[in-house]
Amino acid sequence: MRAKDIMTSPVVTVSPDDSVKRATRLLAEHGFTALPVVDDSDRVVGIVTEADVVADRVPPDARYRTDRTTTPVPETVGEVMTSSPTCTQQGADVAELVGTLLEGHLRAVPVLAGTKLVGIVTRSDVVRALSRDDADIARDVRRRLMIYGGPDRWHVTVDGGTVTVLDDHDDATDRHVATVLAESVPGVVRATVEHRLRDDD
């Protein structure tokens, strides 16, 4: 499974000169946790998150505040964003991408095709892929295998995202290709391909 298989596209973005208020509104309206920040050439220069737009923007109750001094509140996205964010390419393995999300404590990673922003992958996108119904996963696996090896050759079952494929032919290369095709389907946790023995074998 590749980043392009589960990413959200097109991407809602902001610029460094946009107001924090606008970024906050976009996050709230779309239910996002982060927005890529792009420059005039549409290159990713930062990322702004829910935490960025919340920090220092809720004043304490004046009735209980003893410190009357005030500090300037950042007004532009460029002032609050994280610069040079972690990005990935659209062909990146989702397993590696999940590791990046978890190890870096990231909620979202922009997806690039070369230097062009083409999508974004969030933890929610990964969860959504893993939550797919087994019947839908089985249908997609059968479709990909049919294109490769023809109809009625493969017997596919899915249980909890784990795919088992029985193949009428005993060919190691075909088993490898079938495994790669099955595991490229969103929602597949793992796949095994075995030779299906028939009575006349």
C-alpha atoms as a PDB file:
ATOM      1  CA  MET A   1       0.000   0.000   0.000  1.00  0.00           C
ATOM      2  CA  ARG A   2       1.363   3.390  -1.005  1.00  0.00           C
ATOM      3  CA  ALA A   3       0.751   6.886   0.319  1.00  0.00           C
ATOM      4  CA  LYS A   4      -1.184   7.770  -2.847  1.00  0.00           C
ATOM      5  CA  ASP A   5      -3.656   4.951  -2.089  1.00  0.00           C
ATOM      6  CA  ILE A   6      -4.883   6.498   1.164  1.00  0.00           C
ATOM      7  CA  MET A   7      -4.004  10.205   0.970  1.00  0.00           C
ATOM      8  CA  THR A   8      -6.573  12.989   1.000  1.00  0.00           C
ATOM      9  CA  SER A   9      -6.523  14.987  -2.231  1.00  0.00           C
ATOM     10  CA  PRO A  10      -6.884  17.768  -3.285  1.00  0.00           C
ATOM     11  CA  VAL A  11      -5.341  19.486  -0.296  1.00  0.00           C
ATOM     12  CA  VAL A  12      -6.620  22.547   1.529  1.00  0.00           C
ATOM     13  CA  THR A  13      -3.631  24.819   2.100  1.00  0.00           C
ATOM     14  CA  VAL A  14      -2.723  28.180   3.550  1.00  0.00           C
ATOM     15  CA  SER A  15       0.140  30.593   2.919  1.00  0.00           C
ATOM     16  CA  PRO A  16       2.562  32.041   5.482  1.00  0.00           C
ATOM     17  CA  ASP A  17       0.848  35.421   5.056  1.00  0.00           C
ATOM     18  CA  ASP A  18      -2.636  34.097   5.805  1.00  0.00           C
ATOM     19  CA  SER A  19      -4.072  35.003   9.180  1.00  0.00           C
ATOM     20  CA  VAL A  20      -4.096  32.518  12.029  1.00  0.00           C
ATOM     21  CA  LYS A  21      -7.834  33.201  12.189  1.00  0.00           C
ATOM     22  CA  ARG A  22      -8.285  31.925   8.619  1.00  0.00           C
ATOM     23  CA  ALA A  23      -6.248  28.790   9.343  1.00  0.00           C
ATOM     24  CA  THR A  24      -8.298  28.198  12.480  1.00  0.00           C
ATOM     25  CA  ARG A  25     -11.525  28.540  10.515  1.00  0.00           C
ATOM     26  CA  LEU A  26     -10.351  26.083   7.828  1.00  0.00           C
ATOM     27  CA  LEU A  27      -9.304  23.538  10.431  1.00  0.00           C
ATOM     28  CA  ALA A  28     -12.694  23.814  12.137  1.00  0.00           C
ATOM     29  CA  GLU A  29     -14.779  23.786   8.943  1.00  0.00           C
ATOM     30  CA  HIS A  30     -13.084  20.718   7.464  1.00  0.00           C
ATOM     31  CA  GLY A  31     -12.364  18.800  10.661  1.00  0.00           C
ATOM     32  CA  PHE A  32      -8.643  18.750   9.891  1.00  0.00           C
ATOM     33  CA  THR A  33      -5.825  18.533  12.422  1.00  0.00           C
ATOM     34  CA  ALA A  34      -3.226  20.213  10.188  1.00  0.00           C
ATOM     35  CA  LEU A  35      -2.844  22.284   7.020  1.00  0.00           C
ATOM     36  CA  PRO A  36       0.187  22.390   4.715  1.00  0.00           C
ATOM     37  CA  VAL A  37       1.620  25.868   4.271  1.00  0.00           C
ATOM     38  CA  VAL A  38       2.737  26.673   0.709  1.00  0.00           C
ATOM     39  CA  ASP A  39       4.623  29.556  -0.869  1.00  0.00           C
ATOM     40  CA  ASP A  40       3.802  31.401  -4.097  1.00  0.00           C
ATOM     41  CA  SER A  41       5.288  28.492  -6.099  1.00  0.00           C
ATOM     42  CA  ASP A  42       3.113  25.942  -4.281  1.00  0.00           C
ATOM     43  CA  ARG A  43       6.104  24.457  -2.507  1.00  0.00           C
ATOM     44  CA  VAL A  44       5.518  23.181   1.027  1.00  0.00           C
ATOM     45  CA  VAL A  45       7.294  25.515   3.443  1.00  0.00           C
ATOM     46  CA  GLY A  46       5.547  24.571   6.658  1.00  0.00           C
ATOM     47  CA  ILE A  47       2.629  22.941   8.390  1.00  0.00           C
ATOM     48  CA  VAL A  48       0.179  24.514  10.821  1.00  0.00           C
ATOM     49  CA  THR A  49      -1.664  22.353  13.344  1.00  0.00           C
ATOM     50  CA  GLU A  50      -4.491  22.658  15.820  1.00  0.00           C
ATOM     51  CA  ALA A  51      -1.906  23.066  18.575  1.00  0.00           C
ATOM     52  CA  ASP A  52      -0.254  25.935  16.705  1.00  0.00           C
ATOM     53  CA  VAL A  53      -3.467  27.940  16.382  1.00  0.00           C
ATOM     54  CA  VAL A  54      -4.543  27.273  19.979  1.00  0.00           C
ATOM     55  CA  ALA A  55      -1.303  28.124  21.776  1.00  0.00           C
ATOM     56  CA  ASP A  56      -1.394  31.468  23.628  1.00  0.00           C
ATOM     57  CA  ARG A  57      -4.699  32.455  22.031  1.00  0.00           C
ATOM     58  CA  VAL A  58      -7.077  31.780  24.915  1.00  0.00           C
ATOM     59  CA  PRO A  59      -6.734  34.503  27.578  1.00  0.00           C
ATOM     60  CA  PRO A  60      -7.051  33.575  31.232  1.00  0.00           C
ATOM     61  CA  ASP A  61     -10.146  34.799  33.036  1.00  0.00           C
ATOM     62  CA  ALA A  62      -9.507  38.469  33.881  1.00  0.00           C
ATOM     63  CA  ARG A  63     -11.246  38.071  37.252  1.00  0.00           C
ATOM     64  CA  TYR A  64      -8.470  35.814  38.498  1.00  0.00           C
ATOM     65  CA  ARG A  65      -5.491  37.122  36.545  1.00  0.00           C
ATOM     66  CA  THR A  66      -2.903  38.939  38.646  1.00  0.00           C
ATOM     67  CA  ASP A  67      -0.441  39.671  35.836  1.00  0.00           C
ATOM     68  CA  ARG A  68      -1.880  42.542  33.787  1.00  0.00           C
ATOM     69  CA  THR A  69       0.926  42.642  31.236  1.00  0.00           C
ATOM     70  CA  THR A  70       0.048  41.557  27.730  1.00  0.00           C
ATOM     71  CA  THR A  71       2.209  40.013  25.048  1.00  0.00           C
ATOM     72  CA  PRO A  72       1.540  40.358  21.310  1.00  0.00           C
ATOM     73  CA  VAL A  73      -0.484  37.507  19.839  1.00  0.00           C
ATOM     74  CA  PRO A  74       0.909  36.077  16.567  1.00  0.00           C
ATOM     75  CA  GLU A  75      -1.374  37.044  13.716  1.00  0.00           C
ATOM     76  CA  THR A  76      -0.006  35.218  10.668  1.00  0.00           C
ATOM     77  CA  VAL A  77       0.426  31.547   9.860  1.00  0.00           C
ATOM     78  CA  GLY A  78       4.114  32.137   9.223  1.00  0.00           C
ATOM     79  CA  GLU A  79       4.576  33.133  12.864  1.00  0.00           C
ATOM     80  CA  VAL A  80       3.066  29.947  14.307  1.00  0.00           C
ATOM     81  CA  MET A  81       3.745  27.225  11.722  1.00  0.00           C
ATOM     82  CA  THR A  82       6.401  24.523  11.880  1.00  0.00           C
ATOM     83  CA  SER A  83       8.905  25.228   9.105  1.00  0.00           C
ATOM     84  CA  SER A  84      10.417  22.529   6.855  1.00  0.00           C
ATOM     85  CA  PRO A  85       7.910  19.852   7.869  1.00  0.00           C
ATOM     86  CA  THR A  86       8.357  16.138   7.312  1.00  0.00           C
ATOM     87  CA  CYS A  87       6.978  15.241   3.865  1.00  0.00           C
ATOM     88  CA  THR A  88       6.760  11.998   1.908  1.00  0.00           C
ATOM     89  CA  GLN A  89       6.526  10.978  -1.726  1.00  0.00           C
ATOM     90  CA  GLN A  90       3.305   9.590  -3.183  1.00  0.00           C
ATOM     91  CA  GLY A  91       4.957   6.213  -3.794  1.00  0.00           C
ATOM     92  CA  ALA A  92       6.096   5.825  -0.179  1.00  0.00           C
ATOM     93  CA  ASP A  93       5.237   2.582   1.608  1.00  0.00           C
ATOM     94  CA  VAL A  94       2.404   3.232   4.070  1.00  0.00           C
ATOM     95  CA  ALA A  95       4.079   0.956   6.630  1.00  0.00           C
ATOM     96  CA  GLU A  96       7.092   3.288   6.674  1.00  0.00           C
ATOM     97  CA  LEU A  97       4.813   6.316   6.697  1.00  0.00           C
ATOM     98  CA  VAL A  98       2.977   5.005   9.760  1.00  0.00           C
ATOM     99  CA  GLY A  99       6.352   4.625  11.465  1.00  0.00           C
ATOM    100  CA  THR A 100       7.138   8.250  10.619  1.00  0.00           C
ATOM    101  CA  LEU A 101       3.790   9.421  12.018  1.00  0.00           C
ATOM    102  CA  LEU A 102       4.188   7.495  15.265  1.00  0.00           C
ATOM    103  CA  GLU A 103       7.880   8.008  15.892  1.00  0.00           C
ATOM    104  CA  GLY A 104       7.685  11.701  15.101  1.00  0.00           C
ATOM    105  CA  HIS A 105       4.441  12.163  17.060  1.00  0.00           C
ATOM    106  CA  LEU A 106       2.971  13.651  13.880  1.00  0.00           C
ATOM    107  CA  ARG A 107      -0.712  13.873  13.053  1.00  0.00           C
ATOM    108  CA  ALA A 108      -0.272  14.574   9.328  1.00  0.00           C
ATOM    109  CA  VAL A 109       2.360  14.336   6.599  1.00  0.00           C
ATOM    110  CA  PRO A 110       2.128  16.208   3.269  1.00  0.00           C
ATOM    111  CA  VAL A 111       2.491  13.986   0.194  1.00  0.00           C
ATOM    112  CA  LEU A 112       4.575  15.141  -2.774  1.00  0.00           C
ATOM    113  CA  ALA A 113       5.063  14.149  -6.389  1.00  0.00           C
ATOM    114  CA  GLY A 114       8.616  15.384  -6.789  1.00  0.00           C
ATOM    115  CA  THR A 115       8.322  18.840  -5.220  1.00  0.00           C
ATOM    116  CA  LYS A 116       4.608  19.315  -5.969  1.00  0.00           C
ATOM    117  CA  LEU A 117       2.065  18.888  -3.181  1.00  0.00           C
ATOM    118  CA  VAL A 118      -0.505  16.269  -4.251  1.00  0.00           C
ATOM    119  CA  GLY A 119      -2.071  15.129  -0.985  1.00  0.00           C
ATOM    120  CA  ILE A 120      -1.825  14.710   2.748  1.00  0.00           C
ATOM    121  CA  VAL A 121      -1.923  11.609   4.940  1.00  0.00           C
ATOM    122  CA  THR A 122      -3.231  11.847   8.479  1.00  0.00           C
ATOM    123  CA  ARG A 123      -3.574   9.255  11.184  1.00  0.00           C
ATOM    124  CA  SER A 124      -7.290   9.306  10.429  1.00  0.00           C
ATOM    125  CA  ASP A 125      -6.579   8.323   6.810  1.00  0.00           C
ATOM    126  CA  VAL A 126      -4.650   5.276   8.024  1.00  0.00           C
ATOM    127  CA  VAL A 127      -7.400   4.357  10.484  1.00  0.00           C
ATOM    128  CA  ARG A 128     -10.009   4.756   7.724  1.00  0.00           C
ATOM    129  CA  ALA A 129      -8.082   2.393   5.446  1.00  0.00           C
ATOM    130  CA  LEU A 130      -7.680  -0.199   8.194  1.00  0.00           C
ATOM    131  CA  SER A 131     -11.390  -0.015   9.047  1.00  0.00           C
ATOM    132  CA  ARG A 132     -12.545  -1.057   5.553  1.00  0.00           C
ATOM    133  CA  ASP A 133     -15.034  -3.891   5.433  1.00  0.00           C
ATOM    134  CA  ASP A 134     -13.550  -7.314   4.650  1.00  0.00           C
ATOM    135  CA  ALA A 135     -16.011  -7.816   1.783  1.00  0.00           C
ATOM    136  CA  ASP A 136     -14.854  -4.580   0.138  1.00  0.00           C
ATOM    137  CA  ILE A 137     -11.215  -5.571   0.573  1.00  0.00           C
ATOM    138  CA  ALA A 138     -11.873  -9.021  -0.931  1.00  0.00           C
ATOM    139  CA  ARG A 139     -13.619  -7.468  -3.943  1.00  0.00           C
ATOM    140  CA  ASP A 140     -10.667  -5.142  -4.619  1.00  0.00           C
ATOM    141  CA  VAL A 141      -8.124  -7.944  -4.208  1.00  0.00           C
ATOM    142  CA  ARG A 142     -10.068 -10.180  -6.641  1.00  0.00           C
ATOM    143  CA  ARG A 143     -10.237  -7.345  -9.163  1.00  0.00           C
ATOM    144  CA  ARG A 144      -6.470  -6.777  -9.099  1.00  0.00           C
ATOM    145  CA  LEU A 145      -5.708 -10.492  -9.283  1.00  0.00           C
ATOM    146  CA  MET A 146      -8.151 -10.982 -12.156  1.00  0.00           C
ATOM    147  CA  ILE A 147      -6.371  -8.293 -14.175  1.00  0.00           C
ATOM    148  CA  TYR A 148      -3.066 -10.054 -13.574  1.00  0.00           C
ATOM    149  CA  GLY A 149      -3.980 -13.728 -13.930  1.00  0.00           C
ATOM    150  CA  GLY A 150      -7.449 -13.903 -15.416  1.00  0.00           C
ATOM    151  CA  PRO A 151     -10.846 -14.746 -13.890  1.00  0.00           C
ATOM    152  CA  ASP A 152     -11.659 -17.845 -11.824  1.00  0.00           C
ATOM    153  CA  ARG A 153      -8.024 -18.589 -11.052  1.00  0.00           C
ATOM    154  CA  TRP A 154      -7.916 -17.227  -7.510  1.00  0.00           C
ATOM    155  CA  HIS A 155      -9.910 -17.997  -4.377  1.00  0.00           C
ATOM    156  CA  VAL A 156      -9.790 -15.012  -2.002  1.00  0.00           C
ATOM    157  CA  THR A 157     -10.901 -14.811   1.623  1.00  0.00           C
ATOM    158  CA  VAL A 158     -10.431 -11.935   4.055  1.00  0.00           C
ATOM    159  CA  ASP A 159     -10.686 -12.071   7.829  1.00  0.00           C
ATOM    160  CA  GLY A 160      -9.978  -8.948   9.867  1.00  0.00           C
ATOM    161  CA  GLY A 161      -7.954  -7.465   7.016  1.00  0.00           C
ATOM    162  CA  THR A 162      -5.813 -10.620   6.643  1.00  0.00           C
ATOM    163  CA  VAL A 163      -6.039 -11.928   3.080  1.00  0.00           C
ATOM    164  CA  THR A 164      -5.631 -15.560   2.084  1.00  0.00           C
ATOM    165  CA  VAL A 165      -5.340 -16.290  -1.631  1.00  0.00           C
ATOM    166  CA  LEU A 166      -5.470 -19.820  -3.039  1.00  0.00           C
ATOM    167  CA  ASP A 167      -4.015 -20.104  -6.538  1.00  0.00           C
ATOM    168  CA  ASP A 168      -4.805 -22.881  -9.009  1.00  0.00           C
ATOM    169  CA  HIS A 169      -1.226 -22.701 -10.335  1.00  0.00           C
ATOM    170  CA  ASP A 170       1.904 -23.564  -8.379  1.00  0.00           C
ATOM    171  CA  ASP A 171       4.253 -20.783  -9.478  1.00  0.00           C
ATOM    172  CA  ALA A 172       6.574 -18.932  -7.076  1.00  0.00           C
ATOM    173  CA  THR A 173       6.763 -15.805  -9.240  1.00  0.00           C
ATOM    174  CA  ASP A 174       2.982 -15.576  -9.512  1.00  0.00           C
ATOM    175  CA  ARG A 175       2.658 -16.051  -5.752  1.00  0.00           C
ATOM    176  CA  HIS A 176       5.037 -13.147  -5.169  1.00  0.00           C
ATOM    177  CA  VAL A 177       3.210 -10.873  -7.614  1.00  0.00           C
ATOM    178  CA  ALA A 178      -0.172 -11.851  -6.143  1.00  0.00           C
ATOM    179  CA  THR A 179       1.083 -11.052  -2.638  1.00  0.00           C
ATOM    180  CA  VAL A 180       2.313  -7.623  -3.758  1.00  0.00           C
ATOM    181  CA  LEU A 181      -0.996  -6.898  -5.503  1.00  0.00           C
ATOM    182  CA  ALA A 182      -3.070  -7.999  -2.511  1.00  0.00           C
ATOM    183  CA  GLU A 183      -1.025  -6.013  -0.013  1.00  0.00           C
ATOM    184  CA  SER A 184      -1.395  -2.880  -2.146  1.00  0.00           C
ATOM    185  CA  VAL A 185      -5.134  -2.821  -1.444  1.00  0.00           C
ATOM    186  CA  PRO A 186      -6.092  -0.319   1.295  1.00  0.00           C
ATOM    187  CA  GLY A 187      -7.168  -2.111   4.456  1.00  0.00           C
ATOM    188  CA  VAL A 188      -5.049  -5.241   3.951  1.00  0.00           C
ATOM    189  CA  VAL A 189      -3.031  -6.046   7.062  1.00  0.00           C
ATOM    190  CA  ARG A 190      -1.138  -8.950   5.488  1.00  0.00           C
ATOM    191  CA  ALA A 191      -1.572 -11.403   2.641  1.00  0.00           C
ATOM    192  CA  THR A 192      -0.551 -14.989   2.023  1.00  0.00           C
ATOM    193  CA  VAL A 193      -0.798 -16.806  -1.301  1.00  0.00           C
ATOM    194  CA  GLU A 194      -0.801 -20.587  -1.462  1.00  0.00           C
ATOM    195  CA  HIS A 195      -1.244 -23.246  -4.119  1.00  0.00           C
ATOM    196  CA  ARG A 196      -4.770 -24.643  -4.107  1.00  0.00           C
ATOM    197  CA  LEU A 197      -4.650 -28.399  -4.468  1.00  0.00           C
ATOM    198  CA  ARG A 198      -7.433 -29.931  -6.507  1.00  0.00           C
ATOM    199  CA  ASP A 199      -8.628 -33.507  -6.556  1.00  0.00           C
ATOM    200  CA  ASP A 200      -6.915 -34.108  -9.877  1.00  0.00           C
ATOM    201  CA  ASP A 201      -3.518 -32.734  -8.709  1.00  0.00           C
END
